[in-house]
Amino acid sequence: MAAAQQPQPQPSCDGSQLLLPAVLLAIMYFVWLRPAQMDRKKHENLLKSLKRGDEVLTNSGIFGTIADIQEKTLMLEIARNVKIKVLRSTVLRKVGPEAEIEDKSKSDNKSKSDSKDK
């Protein structure tokens, strides 16, 4: 004979099941995505601040002095009378005494603000 089917309990979907994925997404944002956004913004500001005469290092390891700036490209002088055209986005960082002074002043300001927080 047919056994009477008992109603199956329905799984409830309360907020506790959604809490873990939300916490994981928040952690991923602050550990991975936010620092990447900050680095991207910092690199964009560097590219905007480039001017003729700055010494730079490219992603490919080429050191050069900016001889000419166009919208998307730079003309780098890598030796006397030797110029190459590179994409502006390939500049990794500024080098030389001016860049060291800028880095030092930024780190001094950061350490002062950190010491005030303590």
PDB file of N, CA and C in Angstrom:
ATOM      1  N   MET A   1       0.809  -1.160   0.000  1.00  0.00           N
ATOM      2  CA  MET A   1       0.000   0.000   0.000  1.00  0.00           C
ATOM      3  C   MET A   1       0.870   1.247   0.000  1.00  0.00           C
ATOM      4  N   ALA A   2       0.286   2.248  -0.416  1.00  0.00           N
ATOM      5  CA  ALA A   2       1.049   3.495  -0.506  1.00  0.00           C
ATOM      6  C   ALA A   2       1.223   4.085   0.874  1.00  0.00           C
ATOM      7  N   ALA A   3       2.457   4.336   1.160  1.00  0.00           N
ATOM      8  CA  ALA A   3       2.737   4.948   2.462  1.00  0.00           C
ATOM      9  C   ALA A   3       2.415   6.427   2.376  1.00  0.00           C
ATOM     10  N   ALA A   4       1.878   6.900   3.427  1.00  0.00           N
ATOM     11  CA  ALA A   4       1.533   8.326   3.454  1.00  0.00           C
ATOM     12  C   ALA A   4       2.823   9.134   3.443  1.00  0.00           C
ATOM     13  N   GLN A   5       2.879  10.047   2.530  1.00  0.00           N
ATOM     14  CA  GLN A   5       4.070  10.876   2.451  1.00  0.00           C
ATOM     15  C   GLN A   5       3.989  11.972   3.495  1.00  0.00           C
ATOM     16  N   GLN A   6       5.081  12.074   4.210  1.00  0.00           N
ATOM     17  CA  GLN A   6       5.141  13.133   5.211  1.00  0.00           C
ATOM     18  C   GLN A   6       5.711  14.374   4.547  1.00  0.00           C
ATOM     19  N   PRO A   7       5.213  15.537   4.905  1.00  0.00           N
ATOM     20  CA  PRO A   7       5.742  16.762   4.293  1.00  0.00           C
ATOM     21  C   PRO A   7       7.204  16.973   4.677  1.00  0.00           C
ATOM     22  N   GLN A   8       7.988  17.294   3.681  1.00  0.00           N
ATOM     23  CA  GLN A   8       9.413  17.563   3.899  1.00  0.00           C
ATOM     24  C   GLN A   8       9.583  18.958   4.484  1.00  0.00           C
ATOM     25  N   PRO A   9      10.463  19.106   5.480  1.00  0.00           N
ATOM     26  CA  PRO A   9      10.692  20.448   6.009  1.00  0.00           C
ATOM     27  C   PRO A   9      11.394  21.315   4.964  1.00  0.00           C
ATOM     28  N   GLN A  10      10.907  22.493   4.770  1.00  0.00           N
ATOM     29  CA  GLN A  10      11.473  23.419   3.796  1.00  0.00           C
ATOM     30  C   GLN A  10      12.678  24.116   4.427  1.00  0.00           C
ATOM     31  N   PRO A  11      13.811  24.163   3.701  1.00  0.00           N
ATOM     32  CA  PRO A  11      14.963  24.875   4.265  1.00  0.00           C
ATOM     33  C   PRO A  11      14.653  26.373   4.336  1.00  0.00           C
ATOM     34  N   SER A  12      14.959  26.923   5.476  1.00  0.00           N
ATOM     35  CA  SER A  12      14.694  28.350   5.626  1.00  0.00           C
ATOM     36  C   SER A  12      15.917  29.140   5.181  1.00  0.00           C
ATOM     37  N   CYS A  13      15.677  30.244   4.601  1.00  0.00           N
ATOM     38  CA  CYS A  13      16.761  31.102   4.126  1.00  0.00           C
ATOM     39  C   CYS A  13      16.765  32.361   4.982  1.00  0.00           C
ATOM     40  N   ASP A  14      17.476  32.271   6.081  1.00  0.00           N
ATOM     41  CA  ASP A  14      17.561  33.458   6.928  1.00  0.00           C
ATOM     42  C   ASP A  14      18.871  34.199   6.638  1.00  0.00           C
ATOM     43  N   GLY A  15      19.091  35.271   7.312  1.00  0.00           N
ATOM     44  CA  GLY A  15      20.260  36.114   7.056  1.00  0.00           C
ATOM     45  C   GLY A  15      21.580  35.466   7.398  1.00  0.00           C
ATOM     46  N   SER A  16      21.590  34.461   8.245  1.00  0.00           N
ATOM     47  CA  SER A  16      22.856  33.843   8.656  1.00  0.00           C
ATOM     48  C   SER A  16      23.539  33.113   7.504  1.00  0.00           C
ATOM     49  N   GLN A  17      22.770  32.621   6.540  1.00  0.00           N
ATOM     50  CA  GLN A  17      23.361  31.943   5.399  1.00  0.00           C
ATOM     51  C   GLN A  17      24.014  32.929   4.439  1.00  0.00           C
ATOM     52  N   LEU A  18      23.571  34.140   4.432  1.00  0.00           N
ATOM     53  CA  LEU A  18      24.145  35.150   3.551  1.00  0.00           C
ATOM     54  C   LEU A  18      25.255  35.938   4.220  1.00  0.00           C
ATOM     55  N   LEU A  19      25.434  35.760   5.513  1.00  0.00           N
ATOM     56  CA  LEU A  19      26.423  36.528   6.252  1.00  0.00           C
ATOM     57  C   LEU A  19      27.844  36.142   5.859  1.00  0.00           C
ATOM     58  N   LEU A  20      28.160  34.870   5.762  1.00  0.00           N
ATOM     59  CA  LEU A  20      29.512  34.423   5.433  1.00  0.00           C
ATOM     60  C   LEU A  20      29.960  34.913   4.048  1.00  0.00           C
ATOM     61  N   PRO A  21      29.176  34.745   2.991  1.00  0.00           N
ATOM     62  CA  PRO A  21      29.616  35.272   1.691  1.00  0.00           C
ATOM     63  C   PRO A  21      29.797  36.793   1.700  1.00  0.00           C
ATOM     64  N   ALA A  22      28.948  37.497   2.425  1.00  0.00           N
ATOM     65  CA  ALA A  22      29.084  38.958   2.488  1.00  0.00           C
ATOM     66  C   ALA A  22      30.364  39.346   3.208  1.00  0.00           C
ATOM     67  N   VAL A  23      30.688  38.644   4.272  1.00  0.00           N
ATOM     68  CA  VAL A  23      31.931  38.927   5.003  1.00  0.00           C
ATOM     69  C   VAL A  23      33.135  38.608   4.127  1.00  0.00           C
ATOM     70  N   LEU A  24      33.091  37.506   3.405  1.00  0.00           N
ATOM     71  CA  LEU A  24      34.203  37.144   2.519  1.00  0.00           C
ATOM     72  C   LEU A  24      34.389  38.171   1.404  1.00  0.00           C
ATOM     73  N   LEU A  25      33.300  38.655   0.852  1.00  0.00           N
ATOM     74  CA  LEU A  25      33.399  39.680  -0.188  1.00  0.00           C
ATOM     75  C   LEU A  25      33.992  40.977   0.376  1.00  0.00           C
ATOM     76  N   ALA A  26      33.609  41.351   1.581  1.00  0.00           N
ATOM     77  CA  ALA A  26      34.146  42.563   2.203  1.00  0.00           C
ATOM     78  C   ALA A  26      35.644  42.413   2.457  1.00  0.00           C
ATOM     79  N   ILE A  27      36.058  41.260   2.942  1.00  0.00           N
ATOM     80  CA  ILE A  27      37.488  41.022   3.183  1.00  0.00           C
ATOM     81  C   ILE A  27      38.259  41.065   1.872  1.00  0.00           C
ATOM     82  N   MET A  28      37.722  40.437   0.830  1.00  0.00           N
ATOM     83  CA  MET A  28      38.384  40.433  -0.474  1.00  0.00           C
ATOM     84  C   MET A  28      38.527  41.856  -1.015  1.00  0.00           C
ATOM     85  N   TYR A  29      37.502  42.676  -0.807  1.00  0.00           N
ATOM     86  CA  TYR A  29      37.555  44.055  -1.285  1.00  0.00           C
ATOM     87  C   TYR A  29      38.688  44.816  -0.606  1.00  0.00           C
ATOM     88  N   PHE A  30      38.776  44.733   0.715  1.00  0.00           N
ATOM     89  CA  PHE A  30      39.769  45.518   1.438  1.00  0.00           C
ATOM     90  C   PHE A  30      41.177  44.950   1.343  1.00  0.00           C
ATOM     91  N   VAL A  31      41.309  43.660   1.078  1.00  0.00           N
ATOM     92  CA  VAL A  31      42.641  43.068   0.991  1.00  0.00           C
ATOM     93  C   VAL A  31      43.179  43.074  -0.435  1.00  0.00           C
ATOM     94  N   TRP A  32      42.300  42.982  -1.416  1.00  0.00           N
ATOM     95  CA  TRP A  32      42.774  42.789  -2.772  1.00  0.00           C
ATOM     96  C   TRP A  32      42.385  43.940  -3.701  1.00  0.00           C
ATOM     97  N   LEU A  33      41.123  44.274  -3.770  1.00  0.00           N
ATOM     98  CA  LEU A  33      40.659  45.247  -4.753  1.00  0.00           C
ATOM     99  C   LEU A  33      41.015  46.686  -4.381  1.00  0.00           C
ATOM    100  N   ARG A  34      40.830  47.078  -3.143  1.00  0.00           N
ATOM    101  CA  ARG A  34      41.091  48.456  -2.735  1.00  0.00           C
ATOM    102  C   ARG A  34      42.563  48.847  -2.914  1.00  0.00           C
ATOM    103  N   PRO A  35      43.527  48.017  -2.476  1.00  0.00           N
ATOM    104  CA  PRO A  35      44.924  48.383  -2.721  1.00  0.00           C
ATOM    105  C   PRO A  35      45.255  48.485  -4.211  1.00  0.00           C
ATOM    106  N   ALA A  36      44.661  47.633  -5.023  1.00  0.00           N
ATOM    107  CA  ALA A  36      44.903  47.697  -6.464  1.00  0.00           C
ATOM    108  C   ALA A  36      44.366  49.003  -7.044  1.00  0.00           C
ATOM    109  N   GLN A  37      43.204  49.451  -6.574  1.00  0.00           N
ATOM    110  CA  GLN A  37      42.650  50.727  -7.032  1.00  0.00           C
ATOM    111  C   GLN A  37      43.554  51.882  -6.632  1.00  0.00           C
ATOM    112  N   MET A  38      44.073  51.831  -5.409  1.00  0.00           N
ATOM    113  CA  MET A  38      44.946  52.899  -4.929  1.00  0.00           C
ATOM    114  C   MET A  38      46.247  52.939  -5.725  1.00  0.00           C
ATOM    115  N   ASP A  39      46.802  51.762  -6.042  1.00  0.00           N
ATOM    116  CA  ASP A  39      48.025  51.708  -6.849  1.00  0.00           C
ATOM    117  C   ASP A  39      47.777  52.253  -8.248  1.00  0.00           C
ATOM    118  N   ARG A  40      46.629  51.910  -8.827  1.00  0.00           N
ATOM    119  CA  ARG A  40      46.288  52.394 -10.168  1.00  0.00           C
ATOM    120  C   ARG A  40      46.165  53.916 -10.178  1.00  0.00           C
ATOM    121  N   LYS A  41      45.519  54.458  -9.147  1.00  0.00           N
ATOM    122  CA  LYS A  41      45.344  55.903  -9.062  1.00  0.00           C
ATOM    123  C   LYS A  41      46.697  56.601  -8.874  1.00  0.00           C
ATOM    124  N   LYS A  42      47.556  56.009  -8.065  1.00  0.00           N
ATOM    125  CA  LYS A  42      48.890  56.563  -7.838  1.00  0.00           C
ATOM    126  C   LYS A  42      49.687  56.579  -9.141  1.00  0.00           C
ATOM    127  N   HIS A  43      49.578  55.504  -9.939  1.00  0.00           N
ATOM    128  CA  HIS A  43      50.292  55.435 -11.218  1.00  0.00           C
ATOM    129  C   HIS A  43      49.740  56.463 -12.200  1.00  0.00           C
ATOM    130  N   GLU A  44      48.414  56.662 -12.220  1.00  0.00           N
ATOM    131  CA  GLU A  44      47.816  57.669 -13.093  1.00  0.00           C
ATOM    132  C   GLU A  44      48.309  59.065 -12.722  1.00  0.00           C
ATOM    133  N   ASN A  45      48.405  59.349 -11.427  1.00  0.00           N
ATOM    134  CA  ASN A  45      48.916  60.653 -10.982  1.00  0.00           C
ATOM    135  C   ASN A  45      50.372  60.830 -11.387  1.00  0.00           C
ATOM    136  N   LEU A  46      51.165  59.760 -11.321  1.00  0.00           N
ATOM    137  CA  LEU A  46      52.555  59.820 -11.761  1.00  0.00           C
ATOM    138  C   LEU A  46      52.625  60.163 -13.238  1.00  0.00           C
ATOM    139  N   LEU A  47      51.800  59.497 -14.045  1.00  0.00           N
ATOM    140  CA  LEU A  47      51.829  59.741 -15.490  1.00  0.00           C
ATOM    141  C   LEU A  47      51.410  61.171 -15.827  1.00  0.00           C
ATOM    142  N   LYS A  48      50.455  61.707 -15.058  1.00  0.00           N
ATOM    143  CA  LYS A  48      50.024  63.087 -15.293  1.00  0.00           C
ATOM    144  C   LYS A  48      51.095  64.094 -14.898  1.00  0.00           C
ATOM    145  N   SER A  49      51.934  63.740 -13.921  1.00  0.00           N
ATOM    146  CA  SER A  49      52.930  64.681 -13.418  1.00  0.00           C
ATOM    147  C   SER A  49      54.236  64.671 -14.211  1.00  0.00           C
ATOM    148  N   LEU A  50      54.358  63.788 -15.203  1.00  0.00           N
ATOM    149  CA  LEU A  50      55.596  63.722 -15.974  1.00  0.00           C
ATOM    150  C   LEU A  50      55.804  65.005 -16.761  1.00  0.00           C
ATOM    151  N   LYS A  51      57.060  65.439 -16.793  1.00  0.00           N
ATOM    152  CA  LYS A  51      57.401  66.632 -17.569  1.00  0.00           C
ATOM    153  C   LYS A  51      58.751  66.427 -18.237  1.00  0.00           C
ATOM    154  N   ARG A  52      59.035  67.278 -19.165  1.00  0.00           N
ATOM    155  CA  ARG A  52      60.277  67.196 -19.917  1.00  0.00           C
ATOM    156  C   ARG A  52      61.463  67.339 -18.964  1.00  0.00           C
ATOM    157  N   GLY A  53      62.445  66.462 -19.130  1.00  0.00           N
ATOM    158  CA  GLY A  53      63.638  66.497 -18.295  1.00  0.00           C
ATOM    159  C   GLY A  53      63.606  65.511 -17.129  1.00  0.00           C
ATOM    160  N   ASP A  54      62.449  64.921 -16.840  1.00  0.00           N
ATOM    161  CA  ASP A  54      62.365  63.924 -15.766  1.00  0.00           C
ATOM    162  C   ASP A  54      63.108  62.657 -16.171  1.00  0.00           C
ATOM    163  N   GLU A  55      63.816  62.076 -15.223  1.00  0.00           N
ATOM    164  CA  GLU A  55      64.454  60.788 -15.449  1.00  0.00           C
ATOM    165  C   GLU A  55      63.486  59.714 -14.982  1.00  0.00           C
ATOM    166  N   VAL A  56      63.254  58.716 -15.842  1.00  0.00           N
ATOM    167  CA  VAL A  56      62.257  57.695 -15.546  1.00  0.00           C
ATOM    168  C   VAL A  56      62.814  56.297 -15.806  1.00  0.00           C
ATOM    169  N   LEU A  57      62.115  55.327 -15.233  1.00  0.00           N
ATOM    170  CA  LEU A  57      62.390  53.915 -15.475  1.00  0.00           C
ATOM    171  C   LEU A  57      61.133  53.317 -16.080  1.00  0.00           C
ATOM    172  N   THR A  58      61.296  52.575 -17.180  1.00  0.00           N
ATOM    173  CA  THR A  58      60.140  51.941 -17.817  1.00  0.00           C
ATOM    174  C   THR A  58      59.962  50.531 -17.277  1.00  0.00           C
ATOM    175  N   ASN A  59      58.816  49.924 -17.580  1.00  0.00           N
ATOM    176  CA  ASN A  59      58.534  48.552 -17.155  1.00  0.00           C
ATOM    177  C   ASN A  59      59.545  47.564 -17.712  1.00  0.00           C
ATOM    178  N   SER A  60      60.131  47.875 -18.850  1.00  0.00           N
ATOM    179  CA  SER A  60      61.097  46.962 -19.469  1.00  0.00           C
ATOM    180  C   SER A  60      62.509  47.175 -18.945  1.00  0.00           C
ATOM    181  N   GLY A  61      62.685  48.101 -17.999  1.00  0.00           N
ATOM    182  CA  GLY A  61      63.997  48.301 -17.389  1.00  0.00           C
ATOM    183  C   GLY A  61      64.866  49.327 -18.082  1.00  0.00           C
ATOM    184  N   ILE A  62      64.292  50.140 -18.933  1.00  0.00           N
ATOM    185  CA  ILE A  62      65.058  51.162 -19.647  1.00  0.00           C
ATOM    186  C   ILE A  62      65.010  52.461 -18.860  1.00  0.00           C
ATOM    187  N   PHE A  63      66.197  52.998 -18.558  1.00  0.00           N
ATOM    188  CA  PHE A  63      66.301  54.304 -17.925  1.00  0.00           C
ATOM    189  C   PHE A  63      66.442  55.347 -19.018  1.00  0.00           C
ATOM    190  N   GLY A  64      65.794  56.487 -18.833  1.00  0.00           N
ATOM    191  CA  GLY A  64      65.912  57.546 -19.818  1.00  0.00           C
ATOM    192  C   GLY A  64      65.412  58.862 -19.285  1.00  0.00           C
ATOM    193  N   THR A  65      65.722  59.908 -20.018  1.00  0.00           N
ATOM    194  CA  THR A  65      65.277  61.261 -19.696  1.00  0.00           C
ATOM    195  C   THR A  65      64.225  61.655 -20.715  1.00  0.00           C
ATOM    196  N   ILE A  66      63.127  62.210 -20.243  1.00  0.00           N
ATOM    197  CA  ILE A  66      62.040  62.582 -21.136  1.00  0.00           C
ATOM    198  C   ILE A  66      62.474  63.763 -21.992  1.00  0.00           C
ATOM    199  N   ALA A  67      62.474  63.562 -23.320  1.00  0.00           N
ATOM    200  CA  ALA A  67      62.856  64.610 -24.259  1.00  0.00           C
ATOM    201  C   ALA A  67      61.630  65.283 -24.861  1.00  0.00           C
ATOM    202  N   ASP A  68      60.537  64.531 -25.006  1.00  0.00           N
ATOM    203  CA  ASP A  68      59.327  65.083 -25.597  1.00  0.00           C
ATOM    204  C   ASP A  68      58.136  64.300 -25.052  1.00  0.00           C
ATOM    205  N   ILE A  69      57.035  65.016 -24.848  1.00  0.00           N
ATOM    206  CA  ILE A  69      55.827  64.380 -24.326  1.00  0.00           C
ATOM    207  C   ILE A  69      54.689  64.616 -25.305  1.00  0.00           C
ATOM    208  N   GLN A  70      53.997  63.530 -25.646  1.00  0.00           N
ATOM    209  CA  GLN A  70      52.782  63.618 -26.424  1.00  0.00           C
ATOM    210  C   GLN A  70      51.661  63.003 -25.604  1.00  0.00           C
ATOM    211  N   GLU A  71      50.473  62.958 -26.165  1.00  0.00           N
ATOM    212  CA  GLU A  71      49.315  62.494 -25.392  1.00  0.00           C
ATOM    213  C   GLU A  71      49.500  61.080 -24.851  1.00  0.00           C
ATOM    214  N   LYS A  72      49.903  60.139 -25.697  1.00  0.00           N
ATOM    215  CA  LYS A  72      50.020  58.741 -25.270  1.00  0.00           C
ATOM    216  C   LYS A  72      51.442  58.214 -25.316  1.00  0.00           C
ATOM    217  N   THR A  73      52.371  58.988 -25.836  1.00  0.00           N
ATOM    218  CA  THR A  73      53.746  58.509 -25.966  1.00  0.00           C
ATOM    219  C   THR A  73      54.741  59.512 -25.389  1.00  0.00           C
ATOM    220  N   LEU A  74      55.926  58.999 -25.137  1.00  0.00           N
ATOM    221  CA  LEU A  74      57.046  59.824 -24.678  1.00  0.00           C
ATOM    222  C   LEU A  74      58.232  59.546 -25.575  1.00  0.00           C
ATOM    223  N   MET A  75      59.080  60.542 -25.735  1.00  0.00           N
ATOM    224  CA  MET A  75      60.350  60.346 -26.411  1.00  0.00           C
ATOM    225  C   MET A  75      61.403  60.355 -25.313  1.00  0.00           C
ATOM    226  N   LEU A  76      62.059  59.203 -25.109  1.00  0.00           N
ATOM    227  CA  LEU A  76      63.081  59.085 -24.076  1.00  0.00           C
ATOM    228  C   LEU A  76      64.464  59.151 -24.706  1.00  0.00           C
ATOM    229  N   GLU A  77      65.317  59.935 -24.092  1.00  0.00           N
ATOM    230  CA  GLU A  77      66.718  59.964 -24.510  1.00  0.00           C
ATOM    231  C   GLU A  77      67.452  59.008 -23.577  1.00  0.00           C
ATOM    232  N   ILE A  78      67.936  57.894 -24.142  1.00  0.00           N
ATOM    233  CA  ILE A  78      68.585  56.880 -23.318  1.00  0.00           C
ATOM    234  C   ILE A  78      70.106  56.982 -23.373  1.00  0.00           C
ATOM    235  N   ALA A  79      70.624  57.716 -24.326  1.00  0.00           N
ATOM    236  CA  ALA A  79      72.052  58.023 -24.441  1.00  0.00           C
ATOM    237  C   ALA A  79      72.144  59.288 -25.288  1.00  0.00           C
ATOM    238  N   ARG A  80      73.329  59.838 -25.378  1.00  0.00           N
ATOM    239  CA  ARG A  80      73.479  61.064 -26.164  1.00  0.00           C
ATOM    240  C   ARG A  80      73.088  60.790 -27.619  1.00  0.00           C
ATOM    241  N   ASN A  81      72.124  61.559 -28.108  1.00  0.00           N
ATOM    242  CA  ASN A  81      71.608  61.457 -29.473  1.00  0.00           C
ATOM    243  C   ASN A  81      70.949  60.113 -29.781  1.00  0.00           C
ATOM    244  N   VAL A  82      70.505  59.407 -28.750  1.00  0.00           N
ATOM    245  CA  VAL A  82      69.768  58.156 -28.943  1.00  0.00           C
ATOM    246  C   VAL A  82      68.421  58.323 -28.250  1.00  0.00           C
ATOM    247  N   LYS A  83      67.362  58.387 -29.060  1.00  0.00           N
ATOM    248  CA  LYS A  83      66.023  58.582 -28.518  1.00  0.00           C
ATOM    249  C   LYS A  83      65.130  57.425 -28.955  1.00  0.00           C
ATOM    250  N   ILE A  84      64.243  57.024 -28.048  1.00  0.00           N
ATOM    251  CA  ILE A  84      63.271  55.982 -28.372  1.00  0.00           C
ATOM    252  C   ILE A  84      61.888  56.494 -28.000  1.00  0.00           C
ATOM    253  N   LYS A  85      60.914  55.979 -28.714  1.00  0.00           N
ATOM    254  CA  LYS A  85      59.525  56.357 -28.463  1.00  0.00           C
ATOM    255  C   LYS A  85      58.867  55.217 -27.691  1.00  0.00           C
ATOM    256  N   VAL A  86      58.293  55.545 -26.530  1.00  0.00           N
ATOM    257  CA  VAL A  86      57.638  54.536 -25.697  1.00  0.00           C
ATOM    258  C   VAL A  86      56.244  55.015 -25.328  1.00  0.00           C
ATOM    259  N   LEU A  87      55.391  54.072 -24.982  1.00  0.00           N
ATOM    260  CA  LEU A  87      54.068  54.440 -24.488  1.00  0.00           C
ATOM    261  C   LEU A  87      54.207  55.086 -23.115  1.00  0.00           C
ATOM    262  N   ARG A  88      53.421  56.082 -22.887  1.00  0.00           N
ATOM    263  CA  ARG A  88      53.441  56.786 -21.599  1.00  0.00           C
ATOM    264  C   ARG A  88      53.122  55.837 -20.439  1.00  0.00           C
ATOM    265  N   SER A  89      52.238  54.880 -20.684  1.00  0.00           N
ATOM    266  CA  SER A  89      51.810  53.953 -19.634  1.00  0.00           C
ATOM    267  C   SER A  89      52.908  52.980 -19.214  1.00  0.00           C
ATOM    268  N   THR A  90      54.008  52.880 -19.974  1.00  0.00           N
ATOM    269  CA  THR A  90      55.085  51.958 -19.612  1.00  0.00           C
ATOM    270  C   THR A  90      56.032  52.543 -18.576  1.00  0.00           C
ATOM    271  N   VAL A  91      55.857  53.810 -18.228  1.00  0.00           N
ATOM    272  CA  VAL A  91      56.720  54.403 -17.206  1.00  0.00           C
ATOM    273  C   VAL A  91      56.357  53.795 -15.855  1.00  0.00           C
ATOM    274  N   LEU A  92      57.357  53.234 -15.202  1.00  0.00           N
ATOM    275  CA  LEU A  92      57.149  52.590 -13.911  1.00  0.00           C
ATOM    276  C   LEU A  92      57.267  53.596 -12.772  1.00  0.00           C
ATOM    277  N   ARG A  93      58.331  54.408 -12.813  1.00  0.00           N
ATOM    278  CA  ARG A  93      58.530  55.396 -11.754  1.00  0.00           C
ATOM    279  C   ARG A  93      59.565  56.413 -12.198  1.00  0.00           C
ATOM    280  N   LYS A  94      59.624  57.518 -11.458  1.00  0.00           N
ATOM    281  CA  LYS A  94      60.667  58.509 -11.661  1.00  0.00           C
ATOM    282  C   LYS A  94      61.903  58.051 -10.908  1.00  0.00           C
ATOM    283  N   VAL A  95      63.062  58.402 -11.421  1.00  0.00           N
ATOM    284  CA  VAL A  95      64.322  58.094 -10.747  1.00  0.00           C
ATOM    285  C   VAL A  95      65.142  59.373 -10.652  1.00  0.00           C
ATOM    286  N   GLY A  96      66.201  59.309  -9.875  1.00  0.00           N
ATOM    287  CA  GLY A  96      67.061  60.472  -9.742  1.00  0.00           C
ATOM    288  C   GLY A  96      66.849  61.178  -8.428  1.00  0.00           C
ATOM    289  N   PRO A  97      67.595  62.246  -8.208  1.00  0.00           N
ATOM    290  CA  PRO A  97      67.531  62.939  -6.917  1.00  0.00           C
ATOM    291  C   PRO A  97      66.172  63.560  -6.621  1.00  0.00           C
ATOM    292  N   GLU A  98      65.500  64.107  -7.625  1.00  0.00           N
ATOM    293  CA  GLU A  98      64.190  64.723  -7.404  1.00  0.00           C
ATOM    294  C   GLU A  98      63.173  63.689  -6.929  1.00  0.00           C
ATOM    295  N   ALA A  99      63.189  62.508  -7.540  1.00  0.00           N
ATOM    296  CA  ALA A  99      62.246  61.455  -7.169  1.00  0.00           C
ATOM    297  C   ALA A  99      62.529  60.967  -5.754  1.00  0.00           C
ATOM    298  N   GLU A 100      63.810  60.885  -5.371  1.00  0.00           N
ATOM    299  CA  GLU A 100      64.163  60.452  -4.027  1.00  0.00           C
ATOM    300  C   GLU A 100      63.689  61.455  -2.996  1.00  0.00           C
ATOM    301  N   ILE A 101      63.795  62.739  -3.313  1.00  0.00           N
ATOM    302  CA  ILE A 101      63.335  63.785  -2.392  1.00  0.00           C
ATOM    303  C   ILE A 101      61.824  63.697  -2.221  1.00  0.00           C
ATOM    304  N   GLU A 102      61.091  63.500  -3.331  1.00  0.00           N
ATOM    305  CA  GLU A 102      59.633  63.378  -3.265  1.00  0.00           C
ATOM    306  C   GLU A 102      59.236  62.166  -2.431  1.00  0.00           C
ATOM    307  N   ASP A 103      59.905  61.021  -2.656  1.00  0.00           N
ATOM    308  CA  ASP A 103      59.592  59.814  -1.901  1.00  0.00           C
ATOM    309  C   ASP A 103      59.888  60.005  -0.420  1.00  0.00           C
ATOM    310  N   LYS A 104      61.003  60.662  -0.130  1.00  0.00           N
ATOM    311  CA  LYS A 104      61.389  60.876   1.259  1.00  0.00           C
ATOM    312  C   LYS A 104      60.391  61.782   1.961  1.00  0.00           C
ATOM    313  N   SER A 105      59.942  62.854   1.291  1.00  0.00           N
ATOM    314  CA  SER A 105      58.989  63.772   1.919  1.00  0.00           C
ATOM    315  C   SER A 105      57.641  63.083   2.135  1.00  0.00           C
ATOM    316  N   LYS A 106      57.228  62.227   1.219  1.00  0.00           N
ATOM    317  CA  LYS A 106      55.976  61.495   1.384  1.00  0.00           C
ATOM    318  C   LYS A 106      56.079  60.524   2.548  1.00  0.00           C
ATOM    319  N   SER A 107      57.222  59.827   2.672  1.00  0.00           N
ATOM    320  CA  SER A 107      57.372  58.880   3.778  1.00  0.00           C
ATOM    321  C   SER A 107      57.485  59.615   5.107  1.00  0.00           C
ATOM    322  N   ASP A 108      58.113  60.813   5.133  1.00  0.00           N
ATOM    323  CA  ASP A 108      58.190  61.610   6.359  1.00  0.00           C
ATOM    324  C   ASP A 108      56.807  62.060   6.791  1.00  0.00           C
ATOM    325  N   ASN A 109      55.993  62.513   5.834  1.00  0.00           N
ATOM    326  CA  ASN A 109      54.635  62.943   6.150  1.00  0.00           C
ATOM    327  C   ASN A 109      53.805  61.773   6.675  1.00  0.00           C
ATOM    328  N   LYS A 110      54.003  60.596   6.091  1.00  0.00           N
ATOM    329  CA  LYS A 110      53.253  59.425   6.521  1.00  0.00           C
ATOM    330  C   LYS A 110      53.674  59.019   7.928  1.00  0.00           C
ATOM    331  N   SER A 111      54.975  59.047   8.209  1.00  0.00           N
ATOM    332  CA  SER A 111      55.438  58.650   9.541  1.00  0.00           C
ATOM    333  C   SER A 111      54.990  59.656  10.591  1.00  0.00           C
ATOM    334  N   LYS A 112      54.911  60.943  10.234  1.00  0.00           N
ATOM    335  CA  LYS A 112      54.414  61.948  11.177  1.00  0.00           C
ATOM    336  C   LYS A 112      52.947  61.701  11.473  1.00  0.00           C
ATOM    337  N   SER A 113      52.162  61.396  10.455  1.00  0.00           N
ATOM    338  CA  SER A 113      50.733  61.148  10.685  1.00  0.00           C
ATOM    339  C   SER A 113      50.524  59.861  11.465  1.00  0.00           C
ATOM    340  N   ASP A 114      51.370  58.861  11.238  1.00  0.00           N
ATOM    341  CA  ASP A 114      51.273  57.608  11.989  1.00  0.00           C
ATOM    342  C   ASP A 114      51.609  57.824  13.451  1.00  0.00           C
ATOM    343  N   SER A 115      52.615  58.664  13.744  1.00  0.00           N
ATOM    344  CA  SER A 115      52.996  58.910  15.120  1.00  0.00           C
ATOM    345  C   SER A 115      51.921  59.726  15.834  1.00  0.00           C
ATOM    346  N   LYS A 116      51.194  60.577  15.110  1.00  0.00           N
ATOM    347  CA  LYS A 116      50.097  61.339  15.723  1.00  0.00           C
ATOM    348  C   LYS A 116      48.946  60.430  16.094  1.00  0.00           C
ATOM    349  N   ASP A 117      48.742  59.356  15.295  1.00  0.00           N
ATOM    350  CA  ASP A 117      47.643  58.441  15.541  1.00  0.00           C
ATOM    351  C   ASP A 117      47.862  57.609  16.811  1.00  0.00           C
ATOM    352  N   LYS A 118      49.105  57.403  17.167  1.00  0.00           N
ATOM    353  CA  LYS A 118      49.405  56.540  18.328  1.00  0.00           C
ATOM    354  C   LYS A 118      49.181  57.211  19.612  1.00  0.00           C
TER     355      LYS A 118
END
